Full PDB file with SEQRES, HELIX, SHEET, SSBOND, CRYST1, ORIGX, SCALE, CONECT and MASTER records, all heavy atoms in Angstrom:
SEQRES   1 A   35  ALA VAL ILE LEU LEU VAL ALA ILE ILE ALA ALA ILE ALA          
SEQRES   2 A   35  LEU THR MET ARG LYS ARG PRO GLU THR THR LYS TYR GLN          
SEQRES   3 A   35  ASP PRO ALA GLN GLN VAL LEU VAL LYS                          
HELIX    1 AA1 VAL A    2  THR A   15  1                                  14    
HELIX    2 AA2 PRO A   28  VAL A   32  1                                   5    
CRYST1    1.000    1.000    1.000  90.00  90.00  90.00 P 1           1          
ORIGX1      1.000000  0.000000  0.000000        0.00000                         
ORIGX2      0.000000  1.000000  0.000000        0.00000                         
ORIGX3      0.000000  0.000000  1.000000        0.00000                         
SCALE1      1.000000  0.000000  0.000000        0.00000                         
SCALE2      0.000000  1.000000  0.000000        0.00000                         
SCALE3      0.000000  0.000000  1.000000        0.00000                         
ATOM      1  N   ALA A   1     -38.217   9.423  -4.526  1.00  0.00           N  
ATOM      2  CA  ALA A   1     -37.803   8.314  -5.381  1.00  0.00           C  
ATOM      3  C   ALA A   1     -36.315   8.385  -5.704  1.00  0.00           C  
ATOM      4  O   ALA A   1     -35.613   7.364  -5.698  1.00  0.00           O  
ATOM      5  CB  ALA A   1     -38.630   8.321  -6.669  1.00  0.00           C  
ATOM      6  N   VAL A   2     -35.793   9.581  -5.967  1.00  0.00           N  
ATOM      7  CA  VAL A   2     -34.361   9.744  -6.254  1.00  0.00           C  
ATOM      8  C   VAL A   2     -33.523   9.400  -5.023  1.00  0.00           C  
ATOM      9  O   VAL A   2     -32.475   8.737  -5.124  1.00  0.00           O  
ATOM     10  CB  VAL A   2     -34.077  11.181  -6.739  1.00  0.00           C  
ATOM     11  CG1 VAL A   2     -32.580  11.436  -6.815  1.00  0.00           C  
ATOM     12  CG2 VAL A   2     -34.721  11.410  -8.095  1.00  0.00           C  
ATOM     13  N   ILE A   3     -33.985   9.829  -3.847  1.00  0.00           N  
ATOM     14  CA  ILE A   3     -33.251   9.515  -2.614  1.00  0.00           C  
ATOM     15  C   ILE A   3     -33.202   8.007  -2.381  1.00  0.00           C  
ATOM     16  O   ILE A   3     -32.158   7.437  -2.019  1.00  0.00           O  
ATOM     17  CB  ILE A   3     -33.898  10.244  -1.423  1.00  0.00           C  
ATOM     18  CG1 ILE A   3     -33.685  11.755  -1.548  1.00  0.00           C  
ATOM     19  CG2 ILE A   3     -33.315   9.744  -0.108  1.00  0.00           C  
ATOM     20  CD1 ILE A   3     -34.402  12.565  -0.501  1.00  0.00           C  
ATOM     21  N   LEU A   4     -34.324   7.328  -2.612  1.00  0.00           N  
ATOM     22  CA  LEU A   4     -34.336   5.870  -2.465  1.00  0.00           C  
ATOM     23  C   LEU A   4     -33.438   5.196  -3.487  1.00  0.00           C  
ATOM     24  O   LEU A   4     -32.757   4.202  -3.172  1.00  0.00           O  
ATOM     25  CB  LEU A   4     -35.773   5.355  -2.600  1.00  0.00           C  
ATOM     26  CG  LEU A   4     -36.710   5.665  -1.430  1.00  0.00           C  
ATOM     27  CD1 LEU A   4     -38.115   5.203  -1.745  1.00  0.00           C  
ATOM     28  CD2 LEU A   4     -36.214   5.005  -0.154  1.00  0.00           C  
ATOM     29  N   LEU A   5     -33.409   5.729  -4.710  1.00  0.00           N  
ATOM     30  CA  LEU A   5     -32.531   5.165  -5.735  1.00  0.00           C  
ATOM     31  C   LEU A   5     -31.068   5.316  -5.344  1.00  0.00           C  
ATOM     32  O   LEU A   5     -30.265   4.379  -5.497  1.00  0.00           O  
ATOM     33  CB  LEU A   5     -32.807   5.842  -7.075  1.00  0.00           C  
ATOM     34  CG  LEU A   5     -31.934   5.386  -8.254  1.00  0.00           C  
ATOM     35  CD1 LEU A   5     -32.163   3.913  -8.541  1.00  0.00           C  
ATOM     36  CD2 LEU A   5     -32.216   6.233  -9.488  1.00  0.00           C  
ATOM     37  N   VAL A   6     -30.705   6.484  -4.819  1.00  0.00           N  
ATOM     38  CA  VAL A   6     -29.322   6.697  -4.360  1.00  0.00           C  
ATOM     39  C   VAL A   6     -28.990   5.746  -3.215  1.00  0.00           C  
ATOM     40  O   VAL A   6     -27.883   5.182  -3.150  1.00  0.00           O  
ATOM     41  CB  VAL A   6     -29.132   8.170  -3.948  1.00  0.00           C  
ATOM     42  CG1 VAL A   6     -27.789   8.362  -3.262  1.00  0.00           C  
ATOM     43  CG2 VAL A   6     -29.241   9.071  -5.160  1.00  0.00           C  
ATOM     44  N   ALA A   7     -29.945   5.532  -2.304  1.00  0.00           N  
ATOM     45  CA  ALA A   7     -29.707   4.608  -1.192  1.00  0.00           C  
ATOM     46  C   ALA A   7     -29.504   3.178  -1.686  1.00  0.00           C  
ATOM     47  O   ALA A   7     -28.640   2.443  -1.184  1.00  0.00           O  
ATOM     48  CB  ALA A   7     -30.878   4.675  -0.211  1.00  0.00           C  
ATOM     49  N   ILE A   8     -30.278   2.766  -2.695  1.00  0.00           N  
ATOM     50  CA  ILE A   8     -30.115   1.415  -3.251  1.00  0.00           C  
ATOM     51  C   ILE A   8     -28.754   1.259  -3.918  1.00  0.00           C  
ATOM     52  O   ILE A   8     -28.051   0.255  -3.717  1.00  0.00           O  
ATOM     53  CB  ILE A   8     -31.254   1.129  -4.256  1.00  0.00           C  
ATOM     54  CG1 ILE A   8     -32.585   1.030  -3.535  1.00  0.00           C  
ATOM     55  CG2 ILE A   8     -30.979  -0.142  -5.038  1.00  0.00           C  
ATOM     56  CD1 ILE A   8     -33.774   0.941  -4.468  1.00  0.00           C  
ATOM     57  N   ILE A   9     -28.353   2.263  -4.702  1.00  0.00           N  
ATOM     58  CA  ILE A   9     -27.044   2.197  -5.364  1.00  0.00           C  
ATOM     59  C   ILE A   9     -25.919   2.173  -4.338  1.00  0.00           C  
ATOM     60  O   ILE A   9     -24.936   1.428  -4.475  1.00  0.00           O  
ATOM     61  CB  ILE A   9     -26.893   3.391  -6.332  1.00  0.00           C  
ATOM     62  CG1 ILE A   9     -27.905   3.264  -7.472  1.00  0.00           C  
ATOM     63  CG2 ILE A   9     -25.477   3.465  -6.887  1.00  0.00           C  
ATOM     64  CD1 ILE A   9     -27.953   4.464  -8.385  1.00  0.00           C  
ATOM     65  N   ALA A  10     -26.047   2.970  -3.265  1.00  0.00           N  
ATOM     66  CA  ALA A  10     -25.019   2.978  -2.214  1.00  0.00           C  
ATOM     67  C   ALA A  10     -24.938   1.633  -1.514  1.00  0.00           C  
ATOM     68  O   ALA A  10     -23.841   1.137  -1.219  1.00  0.00           O  
ATOM     69  CB  ALA A  10     -25.320   4.093  -1.214  1.00  0.00           C  
ATOM     70  N   ALA A  11     -26.097   1.024  -1.234  1.00  0.00           N  
ATOM     71  CA  ALA A  11     -26.086  -0.296  -0.590  1.00  0.00           C  
ATOM     72  C   ALA A  11     -25.443  -1.346  -1.478  1.00  0.00           C  
ATOM     73  O   ALA A  11     -24.655  -2.183  -1.007  1.00  0.00           O  
ATOM     74  CB  ALA A  11     -27.521  -0.701  -0.230  1.00  0.00           C  
ATOM     75  N   ILE A  12     -25.734  -1.310  -2.778  1.00  0.00           N  
ATOM     76  CA  ILE A  12     -25.110  -2.266  -3.707  1.00  0.00           C  
ATOM     77  C   ILE A  12     -23.609  -2.016  -3.797  1.00  0.00           C  
ATOM     78  O   ILE A  12     -22.809  -2.962  -3.814  1.00  0.00           O  
ATOM     79  CB  ILE A  12     -25.774  -2.156  -5.087  1.00  0.00           C  
ATOM     80  CG1 ILE A  12     -27.230  -2.602  -5.012  1.00  0.00           C  
ATOM     81  CG2 ILE A  12     -25.017  -2.982  -6.119  1.00  0.00           C  
ATOM     82  CD1 ILE A  12     -28.010  -2.383  -6.289  1.00  0.00           C  
ATOM     83  N   ALA A  13     -23.188  -0.748  -3.834  1.00  0.00           N  
ATOM     84  CA  ALA A  13     -21.757  -0.436  -3.920  1.00  0.00           C  
ATOM     85  C   ALA A  13     -21.016  -0.891  -2.673  1.00  0.00           C  
ATOM     86  O   ALA A  13     -19.887  -1.390  -2.753  1.00  0.00           O  
ATOM     87  CB  ALA A  13     -21.569   1.068  -4.128  1.00  0.00           C  
ATOM     88  N   LEU A  14     -21.635  -0.738  -1.498  1.00  0.00           N  
ATOM     89  CA  LEU A  14     -20.988  -1.180  -0.261  1.00  0.00           C  
ATOM     90  C   LEU A  14     -20.912  -2.699  -0.187  1.00  0.00           C  
ATOM     91  O   LEU A  14     -19.958  -3.253   0.361  1.00  0.00           O  
ATOM     92  CB  LEU A  14     -21.743  -0.638   0.952  1.00  0.00           C  
ATOM     93  CG  LEU A  14     -21.633   0.874   1.202  1.00  0.00           C  
ATOM     94  CD1 LEU A  14     -22.549   1.291   2.341  1.00  0.00           C  
ATOM     95  CD2 LEU A  14     -20.192   1.255   1.507  1.00  0.00           C  
ATOM     96  N   THR A  15     -21.923  -3.360  -0.732  1.00  0.00           N  
ATOM     97  CA  THR A  15     -21.939  -4.822  -0.668  1.00  0.00           C  
ATOM     98  C   THR A  15     -20.992  -5.445  -1.687  1.00  0.00           C  
ATOM     99  O   THR A  15     -20.325  -6.451  -1.397  1.00  0.00           O  
ATOM    100  CB  THR A  15     -23.371  -5.332  -0.921  1.00  0.00           C  
ATOM    101  OG1 THR A  15     -24.246  -4.699   0.008  1.00  0.00           O  
ATOM    102  CG2 THR A  15     -23.444  -6.833  -0.727  1.00  0.00           C  
ATOM    103  N   MET A  16     -20.874  -4.851  -2.870  1.00  0.00           N  
ATOM    104  CA  MET A  16     -20.113  -5.453  -3.952  1.00  0.00           C  
ATOM    105  C   MET A  16     -18.656  -4.988  -4.013  1.00  0.00           C  
ATOM    106  O   MET A  16     -17.974  -5.271  -4.971  1.00  0.00           O  
ATOM    107  CB  MET A  16     -20.780  -5.129  -5.295  1.00  0.00           C  
ATOM    108  CG  MET A  16     -22.191  -5.668  -5.426  1.00  0.00           C  
ATOM    109  SD  MET A  16     -22.263  -7.467  -5.294  1.00  0.00           S  
ATOM    110  CE  MET A  16     -21.433  -7.916  -6.802  1.00  0.00           C  
ATOM    111  N   ARG A  17     -18.182  -4.282  -3.010  1.00  0.00           N  
ATOM    112  CA  ARG A  17     -16.788  -3.851  -3.056  1.00  0.00           C  
ATOM    113  C   ARG A  17     -15.863  -5.060  -2.928  1.00  0.00           C  
ATOM    114  O   ARG A  17     -16.195  -6.057  -2.299  1.00  0.00           O  
ATOM    115  CB  ARG A  17     -16.505  -2.852  -1.950  1.00  0.00           C  
ATOM    116  CG  ARG A  17     -16.735  -3.392  -0.559  1.00  0.00           C  
ATOM    117  CD  ARG A  17     -16.535  -2.309   0.463  1.00  0.00           C  
ATOM    118  NE  ARG A  17     -16.824  -2.798   1.808  1.00  0.00           N  
ATOM    119  CZ  ARG A  17     -16.771  -2.047   2.880  1.00  0.00           C  
ATOM    120  NH1 ARG A  17     -16.445  -0.785   2.773  1.00  0.00           N  
ATOM    121  NH2 ARG A  17     -17.057  -2.556   4.062  1.00  0.00           N  
ATOM    122  N   LYS A  18     -14.674  -4.958  -3.501  1.00  0.00           N  
ATOM    123  CA  LYS A  18     -13.765  -6.100  -3.571  1.00  0.00           C  
ATOM    124  C   LYS A  18     -13.064  -6.301  -2.234  1.00  0.00           C  
ATOM    125  O   LYS A  18     -12.511  -5.374  -1.655  1.00  0.00           O  
ATOM    126  CB  LYS A  18     -12.730  -5.881  -4.668  1.00  0.00           C  
ATOM    127  CG  LYS A  18     -13.334  -5.859  -6.064  1.00  0.00           C  
ATOM    128  CD  LYS A  18     -12.264  -5.715  -7.128  1.00  0.00           C  
ATOM    129  CE  LYS A  18     -12.871  -5.734  -8.517  1.00  0.00           C  
ATOM    130  NZ  LYS A  18     -11.847  -5.599  -9.579  1.00  0.00           N  
ATOM    131  N   ARG A  19     -13.118  -7.545  -1.772  1.00  0.00           N  
ATOM    132  CA  ARG A  19     -12.409  -7.941  -0.560  1.00  0.00           C  
ATOM    133  C   ARG A  19     -11.560  -9.157  -0.918  1.00  0.00           C  
ATOM    134  O   ARG A  19     -12.045 -10.285  -0.848  1.00  0.00           O  
ATOM    135  CB  ARG A  19     -13.387  -8.283   0.553  1.00  0.00           C  
ATOM    136  CG  ARG A  19     -14.274  -7.111   0.955  1.00  0.00           C  
ATOM    137  CD  ARG A  19     -15.134  -7.501   2.130  1.00  0.00           C  
ATOM    138  NE  ARG A  19     -16.017  -6.423   2.487  1.00  0.00           N  
ATOM    139  CZ  ARG A  19     -17.335  -6.526   2.574  1.00  0.00           C  
ATOM    140  NH1 ARG A  19     -17.902  -7.677   2.303  1.00  0.00           N  
ATOM    141  NH2 ARG A  19     -18.074  -5.504   2.927  1.00  0.00           N  
ATOM    142  N   PRO A  20     -10.339  -8.955  -1.336  1.00  0.00           N  
ATOM    143  CA  PRO A  20      -9.523 -10.094  -1.801  1.00  0.00           C  
ATOM    144  C   PRO A  20      -9.291 -11.141  -0.727  1.00  0.00           C  
ATOM    145  O   PRO A  20      -9.128 -12.326  -1.028  1.00  0.00           O  
ATOM    146  CB  PRO A  20      -8.201  -9.436  -2.219  1.00  0.00           C  
ATOM    147  CG  PRO A  20      -8.526  -7.981  -2.390  1.00  0.00           C  
ATOM    148  CD  PRO A  20      -9.627  -7.673  -1.447  1.00  0.00           C  
ATOM    149  N   GLU A  21      -9.249 -10.716   0.537  1.00  0.00           N  
ATOM    150  CA  GLU A  21      -8.925 -11.677   1.587  1.00  0.00           C  
ATOM    151  C   GLU A  21     -10.089 -12.590   1.939  1.00  0.00           C  
ATOM    152  O   GLU A  21      -9.907 -13.684   2.465  1.00  0.00           O  
ATOM    153  CB  GLU A  21      -8.467 -10.945   2.855  1.00  0.00           C  
ATOM    154  CG  GLU A  21      -9.552 -10.108   3.545  1.00  0.00           C  
ATOM    155  CD  GLU A  21      -9.755  -8.758   2.914  1.00  0.00           C  
ATOM    156  OE1 GLU A  21      -9.055  -8.458   1.932  1.00  0.00           O  
ATOM    157  OE2 GLU A  21     -10.604  -8.010   3.411  1.00  0.00           O  
ATOM    158  N   THR A  22     -11.332 -12.164   1.657  1.00  0.00           N  
ATOM    159  CA  THR A  22     -12.492 -12.973   2.027  1.00  0.00           C  
ATOM    160  C   THR A  22     -13.337 -13.409   0.831  1.00  0.00           C  
ATOM    161  O   THR A  22     -14.137 -14.329   0.965  1.00  0.00           O  
ATOM    162  CB  THR A  22     -13.395 -12.180   2.987  1.00  0.00           C  
ATOM    163  OG1 THR A  22     -13.798 -10.956   2.364  1.00  0.00           O  
ATOM    164  CG2 THR A  22     -12.658 -11.869   4.284  1.00  0.00           C  
ATOM    165  N   THR A  23     -13.201 -12.764  -0.304  1.00  0.00           N  
ATOM    166  CA  THR A  23     -14.056 -13.062  -1.446  1.00  0.00           C  
ATOM    167  C   THR A  23     -13.336 -13.974  -2.431  1.00  0.00           C  
ATOM    168  O   THR A  23     -12.178 -13.733  -2.767  1.00  0.00           O  
ATOM    169  CB  THR A  23     -14.477 -11.768  -2.156  1.00  0.00           C  
ATOM    170  OG1 THR A  23     -15.066 -10.893  -1.197  1.00  0.00           O  
ATOM    171  CG2 THR A  23     -15.488 -12.060  -3.247  1.00  0.00           C  
ATOM    172  N   LYS A  24     -14.016 -15.015  -2.877  1.00  0.00           N  
ATOM    173  CA  LYS A  24     -13.475 -15.940  -3.871  1.00  0.00           C  
ATOM    174  C   LYS A  24     -14.223 -15.714  -5.178  1.00  0.00           C  
ATOM    175  O   LYS A  24     -15.454 -15.708  -5.204  1.00  0.00           O  
ATOM    176  CB  LYS A  24     -13.636 -17.384  -3.417  1.00  0.00           C  
ATOM    177  CG  LYS A  24     -12.824 -17.716  -2.166  1.00  0.00           C  
ATOM    178  CD  LYS A  24     -12.990 -19.162  -1.788  1.00  0.00           C  
ATOM    179  CE  LYS A  24     -12.151 -19.498  -0.557  1.00  0.00           C  
ATOM    180  NZ  LYS A  24     -12.318 -20.917  -0.160  1.00  0.00           N  
ATOM    181  N   TYR A  25     -13.458 -15.528  -6.251  1.00  0.00           N  
ATOM    182  CA  TYR A  25     -14.047 -15.252  -7.556  1.00  0.00           C  
ATOM    183  C   TYR A  25     -13.857 -16.452  -8.468  1.00  0.00           C  
ATOM    184  O   TYR A  25     -12.872 -17.182  -8.362  1.00  0.00           O  
ATOM    185  CB  TYR A  25     -13.400 -14.014  -8.185  1.00  0.00           C  
ATOM    186  CG  TYR A  25     -13.628 -12.747  -7.405  1.00  0.00           C  
ATOM    187  CD1 TYR A  25     -12.677 -12.294  -6.500  1.00  0.00           C  
ATOM    188  CD2 TYR A  25     -14.801 -12.016  -7.564  1.00  0.00           C  
ATOM    189  CE1 TYR A  25     -12.888 -11.136  -5.771  1.00  0.00           C  
ATOM    190  CE2 TYR A  25     -15.017 -10.861  -6.842  1.00  0.00           C  
ATOM    191  CZ  TYR A  25     -14.058 -10.423  -5.947  1.00  0.00           C  
ATOM    192  OH  TYR A  25     -14.268  -9.279  -5.242  1.00  0.00           O  
ATOM    193  N   GLN A  26     -14.818 -16.650  -9.357  1.00  0.00           N  
ATOM    194  CA  GLN A  26     -14.769 -17.722 -10.334  1.00  0.00           C  
ATOM    195  C   GLN A  26     -14.698 -17.137 -11.735  1.00  0.00           C  
ATOM    196  O   GLN A  26     -15.326 -16.126 -12.029  1.00  0.00           O  
ATOM    197  CB  GLN A  26     -15.997 -18.623 -10.214  1.00  0.00           C  
ATOM    198  CG  GLN A  26     -16.077 -19.381  -8.893  1.00  0.00           C  
ATOM    199  CD  GLN A  26     -17.300 -20.264  -8.830  1.00  0.00           C  
ATOM    200  OE1 GLN A  26     -18.176 -20.167  -9.686  1.00  0.00           O  
ATOM    201  NE2 GLN A  26     -17.363 -21.131  -7.835  1.00  0.00           N  
ATOM    202  N   ASP A  27     -13.923 -17.823 -12.573  1.00  0.00           N  
ATOM    203  CA  ASP A  27     -13.788 -17.422 -13.966  1.00  0.00           C  
ATOM    204  C   ASP A  27     -14.486 -18.475 -14.821  1.00  0.00           C  
ATOM    205  O   ASP A  27     -13.969 -19.587 -14.995  1.00  0.00           O  
ATOM    206  CB  ASP A  27     -12.316 -17.300 -14.343  1.00  0.00           C  
ATOM    207  CG  ASP A  27     -12.128 -16.691 -15.735  1.00  0.00           C  
ATOM    208  OD1 ASP A  27     -13.154 -16.398 -16.378  1.00  0.00           O  
ATOM    209  OD2 ASP A  27     -10.972 -16.506 -16.149  1.00  0.00           O  
ATOM    210  N   PRO A  28     -15.656 -18.203 -15.354  1.00  0.00           N  
ATOM    211  CA  PRO A  28     -16.377 -19.216 -16.151  1.00  0.00           C  
ATOM    212  C   PRO A  28     -15.590 -19.686 -17.366  1.00  0.00           C  
ATOM    213  O   PRO A  28     -15.708 -20.852 -17.760  1.00  0.00           O  
ATOM    214  CB  PRO A  28     -17.664 -18.492 -16.571  1.00  0.00           C  
ATOM    215  CG  PRO A  28     -17.838 -17.407 -15.557  1.00  0.00           C  
ATOM    216  CD  PRO A  28     -16.455 -16.986 -15.171  1.00  0.00           C  
ATOM    217  N   ALA A  29     -14.785 -18.814 -17.969  1.00  0.00           N  
ATOM    218  CA  ALA A  29     -14.009 -19.226 -19.136  1.00  0.00           C  
ATOM    219  C   ALA A  29     -13.001 -20.311 -18.766  1.00  0.00           C  
ATOM    220  O   ALA A  29     -12.807 -21.285 -19.507  1.00  0.00           O  
ATOM    221  CB  ALA A  29     -13.291 -18.017 -19.731  1.00  0.00           C  
ATOM    222  N   GLN A  30     -12.359 -20.158 -17.622  1.00  0.00           N  
ATOM    223  CA  GLN A  30     -11.417 -21.185 -17.171  1.00  0.00           C  
ATOM    224  C   GLN A  30     -12.135 -22.477 -16.779  1.00  0.00           C  
ATOM    225  O   GLN A  30     -11.616 -23.574 -16.967  1.00  0.00           O  
ATOM    226  CB  GLN A  30     -10.612 -20.655 -15.981  1.00  0.00           C  
ATOM    227  CG  GLN A  30      -9.713 -19.475 -16.332  1.00  0.00           C  
ATOM    228  CD  GLN A  30      -8.614 -19.880 -17.308  1.00  0.00           C  
ATOM    229  OE1 GLN A  30      -8.126 -21.007 -17.289  1.00  0.00           O  
ATOM    230  NE2 GLN A  30      -8.238 -18.939 -18.179  1.00  0.00           N  
ATOM    231  N   GLN A  31     -13.345 -22.371 -16.235  1.00  0.00           N  
ATOM    232  CA  GLN A  31     -14.089 -23.571 -15.864  1.00  0.00           C  
ATOM    233  C   GLN A  31     -14.507 -24.373 -17.097  1.00  0.00           C  
ATOM    234  O   GLN A  31     -14.532 -25.604 -17.068  1.00  0.00           O  
ATOM    235  CB  GLN A  31     -15.324 -23.180 -15.054  1.00  0.00           C  
ATOM    236  CG  GLN A  31     -14.990 -22.654 -13.661  1.00  0.00           C  
ATOM    237  CD  GLN A  31     -16.230 -22.252 -12.903  1.00  0.00           C  
ATOM    238  OE1 GLN A  31     -17.216 -21.847 -13.499  1.00  0.00           O  
ATOM    239  NE2 GLN A  31     -16.176 -22.366 -11.589  1.00  0.00           N  
ATOM    240  N   VAL A  32     -14.844 -23.686 -18.168  1.00  0.00           N  
ATOM    241  CA  VAL A  32     -15.250 -24.394 -19.382  1.00  0.00           C  
ATOM    242  C   VAL A  32     -14.068 -25.108 -20.025  1.00  0.00           C  
ATOM    243  O   VAL A  32     -14.212 -26.212 -20.583  1.00  0.00           O  
ATOM    244  CB  VAL A  32     -15.891 -23.388 -20.377  1.00  0.00           C  
ATOM    245  CG1 VAL A  32     -16.138 -24.041 -21.731  1.00  0.00           C  
ATOM    246  CG2 VAL A  32     -17.200 -22.853 -19.812  1.00  0.00           C  
ATOM    247  N   LEU A  33     -12.874 -24.532 -19.960  1.00  0.00           N  
ATOM    248  CA  LEU A  33     -11.695 -25.105 -20.601  1.00  0.00           C  
ATOM    249  C   LEU A  33     -11.017 -26.184 -19.765  1.00  0.00           C  
ATOM    250  O   LEU A  33      -9.961 -26.676 -20.154  1.00  0.00           O  
ATOM    251  CB  LEU A  33     -10.685 -23.981 -20.889  1.00  0.00           C  
ATOM    252  CG  LEU A  33     -11.138 -22.913 -21.895  1.00  0.00           C  
ATOM    253  CD1 LEU A  33     -10.086 -21.821 -22.011  1.00  0.00           C  
ATOM    254  CD2 LEU A  33     -11.420 -23.550 -23.251  1.00  0.00           C  
ATOM    255  N   VAL A  34     -11.570 -26.542 -18.629  1.00  0.00           N  
ATOM    256  CA  VAL A  34     -10.913 -27.519 -17.766  1.00  0.00           C  
ATOM    257  C   VAL A  34     -10.925 -28.906 -18.427  1.00  0.00           C  
ATOM    258  O   VAL A  34     -11.834 -29.249 -19.173  1.00  0.00           O  
ATOM    259  CB  VAL A  34     -11.627 -27.547 -16.396  1.00  0.00           C  
ATOM    260  CG1 VAL A  34     -12.993 -28.192 -16.498  1.00  0.00           C  
ATOM    261  CG2 VAL A  34     -10.761 -28.253 -15.366  1.00  0.00           C  
ATOM    262  N   LYS A  35      -9.883 -29.693 -18.169  1.00  0.00           N  
ATOM    263  CA  LYS A  35      -9.753 -31.047 -18.715  1.00  0.00           C  
ATOM    264  C   LYS A  35      -9.777 -32.064 -17.582  1.00  0.00           C  
ATOM    265  O   LYS A  35      -9.620 -31.725 -16.411  1.00  0.00           O  
ATOM    266  CB  LYS A  35      -8.443 -31.181 -19.501  1.00  0.00           C  
ATOM    267  CG  LYS A  35      -8.372 -30.228 -20.701  1.00  0.00           C  
ATOM    268  CD  LYS A  35      -7.041 -30.365 -21.414  1.00  0.00           C  
ATOM    269  CE  LYS A  35      -6.947 -29.412 -22.597  1.00  0.00           C  
ATOM    270  NZ  LYS A  35      -5.645 -29.501 -23.289  1.00  0.00           N  
TER     271      LYS A  35                                                      
MASTER        0    0    0    2    0    0    0    6  270    1    0    3          
END                                                                             
């Protein structure tokens, strides 16, 4: 179970790493304040 948990965390970390050139981020605070 611990090995599977480590594998899940590693997969999430590899998937969620920042790629500025390909990933587009949204700021909900800026979207709410739009006019």
